[in-house]
Amino acid sequence: MSAIESLPEGCRIHLHVAPRASRTKVAGLHDGRIKLTVAAPPVEGRANEEIVKFLARALHVGRTSVRVVSGESGKRKVVEVEGVSAADAIALLGVEEG
């Protein structure tokens, strides 16, 4: 499994999320997934909202183009992003796979 996969309409990003961090940022790779520290608590969907907001801004797309499709209540999440290729997502998020 790759941390970022191509889809016909965009890409799929596999995340390992660490909530309650001092700031939201990409923190490298963890167990084959992109580690994302999130400056929000994992209650009432706040961490997921912060993830969507961060990825939309980082990938230069609208928030409606980013959606959590798996793992809404866990640390291991899958996010799909429309309008961004896997190669562009890798470059914009600053992660090196391999």
N, C-alpha and C. Protein backbone atom coordinates (compact mmCIF):
# COMPACT_ATOMS: atom_id res chain seq x y z
N MET A 1 0.84 -1.19 0.00
CA MET A 1 0.00 0.00 0.00
C MET A 1 0.88 1.25 0.00
N SER A 2 0.52 2.19 -0.80
CA SER A 2 1.20 3.48 -0.84
C SER A 2 0.44 4.46 0.05
N ALA A 3 1.16 5.41 0.65
CA ALA A 3 0.50 6.40 1.51
C ALA A 3 -0.44 7.28 0.70
N ILE A 4 -0.11 7.51 -0.59
CA ILE A 4 -0.97 8.31 -1.46
C ILE A 4 -1.17 7.53 -2.75
N GLU A 5 -2.42 7.26 -3.08
CA GLU A 5 -2.77 6.48 -4.27
C GLU A 5 -3.53 7.35 -5.27
N SER A 6 -3.35 7.02 -6.54
CA SER A 6 -4.07 7.72 -7.60
C SER A 6 -5.49 7.19 -7.71
N LEU A 7 -6.41 8.10 -7.98
CA LEU A 7 -7.79 7.77 -8.31
C LEU A 7 -8.09 8.48 -9.63
N PRO A 8 -9.10 8.02 -10.36
CA PRO A 8 -9.42 8.69 -11.63
C PRO A 8 -9.72 10.19 -11.46
N GLU A 9 -10.35 10.56 -10.34
CA GLU A 9 -10.75 11.96 -10.14
C GLU A 9 -9.83 12.71 -9.18
N GLY A 10 -8.80 12.05 -8.65
CA GLY A 10 -7.92 12.72 -7.69
C GLY A 10 -6.97 11.75 -7.04
N CYS A 11 -6.98 11.72 -5.70
CA CYS A 11 -6.10 10.81 -4.98
C CYS A 11 -6.71 10.39 -3.65
N ARG A 12 -6.15 9.32 -3.11
CA ARG A 12 -6.55 8.80 -1.80
C ARG A 12 -5.33 8.87 -0.90
N ILE A 13 -5.49 9.46 0.28
CA ILE A 13 -4.39 9.63 1.22
C ILE A 13 -4.66 8.81 2.47
N HIS A 14 -3.70 7.97 2.84
CA HIS A 14 -3.79 7.16 4.05
C HIS A 14 -3.05 7.91 5.15
N LEU A 15 -3.75 8.19 6.24
CA LEU A 15 -3.19 9.00 7.33
C LEU A 15 -3.10 8.22 8.64
N HIS A 16 -2.10 8.59 9.42
CA HIS A 16 -2.03 8.23 10.84
C HIS A 16 -2.10 9.56 11.57
N VAL A 17 -3.16 9.76 12.34
CA VAL A 17 -3.43 11.07 12.94
C VAL A 17 -3.08 11.08 14.43
N ALA A 18 -2.39 12.14 14.84
CA ALA A 18 -2.06 12.35 16.25
C ALA A 18 -2.75 13.64 16.69
N PRO A 19 -3.90 13.55 17.35
CA PRO A 19 -4.64 14.75 17.77
C PRO A 19 -4.00 15.45 18.96
N ARG A 20 -4.52 16.63 19.26
CA ARG A 20 -4.10 17.46 20.40
C ARG A 20 -2.63 17.87 20.31
N ALA A 21 -2.16 18.13 19.11
CA ALA A 21 -0.78 18.60 18.92
C ALA A 21 -0.76 20.12 19.05
N SER A 22 0.44 20.69 19.11
CA SER A 22 0.54 22.14 19.23
C SER A 22 0.14 22.83 17.93
N ARG A 23 0.34 22.13 16.79
CA ARG A 23 -0.10 22.68 15.51
C ARG A 23 -0.33 21.55 14.52
N THR A 24 -1.12 21.82 13.50
CA THR A 24 -1.42 20.82 12.49
C THR A 24 -0.32 20.86 11.45
N LYS A 25 0.30 19.69 11.21
CA LYS A 25 1.37 19.62 10.22
C LYS A 25 1.63 18.17 9.83
N VAL A 26 2.27 17.99 8.68
CA VAL A 26 2.73 16.68 8.25
C VAL A 26 3.99 16.37 9.04
N ALA A 27 4.04 15.21 9.66
CA ALA A 27 5.18 14.83 10.50
C ALA A 27 5.86 13.57 9.98
N GLY A 28 5.94 13.43 8.65
CA GLY A 28 6.63 12.29 8.05
C GLY A 28 5.72 11.12 7.81
N LEU A 29 6.32 9.94 7.82
CA LEU A 29 5.58 8.70 7.59
C LEU A 29 5.56 7.85 8.85
N HIS A 30 4.47 7.11 9.03
CA HIS A 30 4.32 6.22 10.17
C HIS A 30 3.60 4.97 9.69
N ASP A 31 4.28 3.84 9.72
CA ASP A 31 3.66 2.56 9.35
C ASP A 31 3.03 2.60 7.95
N GLY A 32 3.72 3.22 7.00
CA GLY A 32 3.23 3.28 5.63
C GLY A 32 2.16 4.32 5.37
N ARG A 33 1.87 5.14 6.34
CA ARG A 33 0.88 6.20 6.21
C ARG A 33 1.52 7.55 6.49
N ILE A 34 0.90 8.60 6.03
CA ILE A 34 1.39 9.94 6.33
C ILE A 34 0.97 10.28 7.76
N LYS A 35 1.93 10.65 8.58
CA LYS A 35 1.61 11.05 9.95
C LYS A 35 1.24 12.52 9.94
N LEU A 36 0.07 12.81 10.46
CA LEU A 36 -0.43 14.18 10.53
C LEU A 36 -0.73 14.51 11.98
N THR A 37 -0.01 15.50 12.52
CA THR A 37 -0.34 15.97 13.86
C THR A 37 -1.45 17.02 13.71
N VAL A 38 -2.43 16.95 14.58
CA VAL A 38 -3.62 17.80 14.44
C VAL A 38 -3.83 18.61 15.72
N ALA A 39 -3.97 19.92 15.54
CA ALA A 39 -4.17 20.84 16.67
C ALA A 39 -5.66 20.95 17.01
N ALA A 40 -6.27 19.81 17.24
CA ALA A 40 -7.69 19.77 17.63
C ALA A 40 -7.91 18.48 18.40
N PRO A 41 -8.84 18.50 19.34
CA PRO A 41 -9.13 17.27 20.08
C PRO A 41 -10.01 16.33 19.24
N PRO A 42 -9.94 15.03 19.52
CA PRO A 42 -10.75 14.08 18.75
C PRO A 42 -12.18 13.95 19.30
N VAL A 43 -12.84 15.08 19.49
CA VAL A 43 -14.22 15.06 19.99
C VAL A 43 -15.12 15.85 19.06
N GLU A 44 -16.35 15.36 18.91
CA GLU A 44 -17.37 16.03 18.10
C GLU A 44 -16.91 16.37 16.70
N GLY A 45 -16.03 15.54 16.14
CA GLY A 45 -15.59 15.74 14.76
C GLY A 45 -14.61 16.87 14.54
N ARG A 46 -14.11 17.47 15.62
CA ARG A 46 -13.21 18.63 15.46
C ARG A 46 -11.90 18.26 14.78
N ALA A 47 -11.33 17.10 15.11
CA ALA A 47 -10.08 16.68 14.48
C ALA A 47 -10.30 16.45 12.98
N ASN A 48 -11.41 15.81 12.62
CA ASN A 48 -11.70 15.58 11.20
C ASN A 48 -11.88 16.90 10.46
N GLU A 49 -12.55 17.87 11.09
CA GLU A 49 -12.72 19.19 10.46
C GLU A 49 -11.37 19.85 10.24
N GLU A 50 -10.49 19.74 11.21
CA GLU A 50 -9.15 20.32 11.09
C GLU A 50 -8.35 19.64 9.98
N ILE A 51 -8.50 18.33 9.85
CA ILE A 51 -7.81 17.58 8.78
C ILE A 51 -8.29 18.07 7.41
N VAL A 52 -9.59 18.18 7.24
CA VAL A 52 -10.15 18.64 5.96
C VAL A 52 -9.66 20.06 5.66
N LYS A 53 -9.71 20.93 6.64
CA LYS A 53 -9.26 22.31 6.45
C LYS A 53 -7.78 22.37 6.08
N PHE A 54 -6.94 21.62 6.80
CA PHE A 54 -5.50 21.61 6.54
C PHE A 54 -5.20 21.07 5.15
N LEU A 55 -5.78 19.92 4.79
CA LEU A 55 -5.48 19.32 3.49
C LEU A 55 -6.00 20.18 2.34
N ALA A 56 -7.16 20.79 2.49
CA ALA A 56 -7.69 21.68 1.45
C ALA A 56 -6.74 22.84 1.21
N ARG A 57 -6.24 23.43 2.28
CA ARG A 57 -5.31 24.55 2.16
C ARG A 57 -3.98 24.09 1.56
N ALA A 58 -3.44 22.98 2.05
CA ALA A 58 -2.14 22.48 1.58
C ALA A 58 -2.17 22.03 0.13
N LEU A 59 -3.32 21.49 -0.30
CA LEU A 59 -3.43 20.95 -1.66
C LEU A 59 -4.11 21.92 -2.63
N HIS A 60 -4.43 23.12 -2.16
CA HIS A 60 -5.00 24.19 -3.00
C HIS A 60 -6.32 23.78 -3.65
N VAL A 61 -7.20 23.20 -2.84
CA VAL A 61 -8.55 22.84 -3.31
C VAL A 61 -9.55 23.35 -2.27
N GLY A 62 -10.81 23.35 -2.65
CA GLY A 62 -11.87 23.74 -1.71
C GLY A 62 -12.13 22.63 -0.71
N ARG A 63 -12.70 22.99 0.42
CA ARG A 63 -12.99 21.99 1.47
C ARG A 63 -13.93 20.90 0.99
N THR A 64 -14.82 21.23 0.06
CA THR A 64 -15.75 20.21 -0.43
C THR A 64 -15.06 19.16 -1.29
N SER A 65 -13.82 19.42 -1.71
CA SER A 65 -13.06 18.45 -2.49
C SER A 65 -12.33 17.43 -1.62
N VAL A 66 -12.36 17.63 -0.30
CA VAL A 66 -11.65 16.75 0.64
C VAL A 66 -12.68 16.09 1.54
N ARG A 67 -12.62 14.75 1.63
CA ARG A 67 -13.55 14.08 2.53
C ARG A 67 -12.92 12.85 3.17
N VAL A 68 -13.22 12.67 4.43
CA VAL A 68 -12.76 11.50 5.17
C VAL A 68 -13.69 10.36 4.79
N VAL A 69 -13.14 9.30 4.20
CA VAL A 69 -13.98 8.20 3.73
C VAL A 69 -13.88 6.95 4.61
N SER A 70 -12.90 6.93 5.50
CA SER A 70 -12.74 5.78 6.38
C SER A 70 -11.99 6.22 7.64
N GLY A 71 -12.36 5.62 8.76
CA GLY A 71 -11.66 5.87 10.01
C GLY A 71 -12.06 7.16 10.71
N GLU A 72 -13.29 7.58 10.56
CA GLU A 72 -13.73 8.86 11.13
C GLU A 72 -13.49 8.97 12.62
N SER A 73 -13.55 7.86 13.34
CA SER A 73 -13.37 7.93 14.80
C SER A 73 -12.06 7.30 15.27
N GLY A 74 -11.16 6.99 14.33
CA GLY A 74 -9.89 6.37 14.72
C GLY A 74 -8.70 7.20 14.29
N LYS A 75 -7.52 6.71 14.63
CA LYS A 75 -6.29 7.40 14.26
C LYS A 75 -5.88 7.10 12.82
N ARG A 76 -6.30 5.96 12.31
CA ARG A 76 -5.97 5.57 10.93
C ARG A 76 -7.14 5.98 10.04
N LYS A 77 -6.89 6.94 9.18
CA LYS A 77 -7.94 7.50 8.34
C LYS A 77 -7.58 7.39 6.87
N VAL A 78 -8.59 7.37 6.04
CA VAL A 78 -8.42 7.45 4.60
C VAL A 78 -9.20 8.67 4.13
N VAL A 79 -8.51 9.53 3.38
CA VAL A 79 -9.10 10.76 2.89
C VAL A 79 -9.01 10.76 1.37
N GLU A 80 -10.08 11.13 0.70
CA GLU A 80 -10.06 11.27 -0.75
C GLU A 80 -10.12 12.74 -1.11
N VAL A 81 -9.31 13.11 -2.10
CA VAL A 81 -9.21 14.51 -2.53
C VAL A 81 -9.46 14.55 -4.03
N GLU A 82 -10.43 15.34 -4.46
CA GLU A 82 -10.73 15.51 -5.87
C GLU A 82 -9.89 16.64 -6.45
N GLY A 83 -9.42 16.45 -7.69
CA GLY A 83 -8.73 17.52 -8.40
C GLY A 83 -7.25 17.63 -8.14
N VAL A 84 -6.66 16.66 -7.43
CA VAL A 84 -5.22 16.68 -7.15
C VAL A 84 -4.67 15.29 -7.44
N SER A 85 -3.64 15.23 -8.29
CA SER A 85 -3.03 13.94 -8.59
C SER A 85 -2.20 13.46 -7.40
N ALA A 86 -1.91 12.17 -7.36
CA ALA A 86 -1.08 11.62 -6.28
C ALA A 86 0.30 12.27 -6.30
N ALA A 87 0.88 12.46 -7.47
CA ALA A 87 2.21 13.08 -7.57
C ALA A 87 2.20 14.50 -7.03
N ASP A 88 1.16 15.26 -7.37
CA ASP A 88 1.06 16.63 -6.85
C ASP A 88 0.86 16.63 -5.33
N ALA A 89 0.06 15.71 -4.82
CA ALA A 89 -0.17 15.63 -3.38
C ALA A 89 1.12 15.31 -2.65
N ILE A 90 1.91 14.39 -3.17
CA ILE A 90 3.20 14.05 -2.56
C ILE A 90 4.09 15.28 -2.51
N ALA A 91 4.16 16.01 -3.62
CA ALA A 91 5.01 17.22 -3.66
C ALA A 91 4.49 18.31 -2.72
N LEU A 92 3.19 18.55 -2.72
CA LEU A 92 2.63 19.63 -1.89
C LEU A 92 2.68 19.33 -0.40
N LEU A 93 2.56 18.07 -0.05
CA LEU A 93 2.62 17.70 1.36
C LEU A 93 4.06 17.49 1.84
N GLY A 94 5.00 17.41 0.90
CA GLY A 94 6.40 17.30 1.27
C GLY A 94 6.78 15.95 1.86
N VAL A 95 6.18 14.89 1.36
CA VAL A 95 6.52 13.55 1.85
C VAL A 95 7.28 12.78 0.79
N GLU A 96 8.24 12.01 1.23
CA GLU A 96 9.02 11.15 0.34
C GLU A 96 8.59 9.72 0.60
N GLU A 97 8.10 9.05 -0.44
CA GLU A 97 7.74 7.65 -0.28
C GLU A 97 8.85 6.79 -0.84
N GLY A 98 8.95 5.58 -0.28
CA GLY A 98 9.89 4.63 -0.86
C GLY A 98 10.89 4.24 0.07
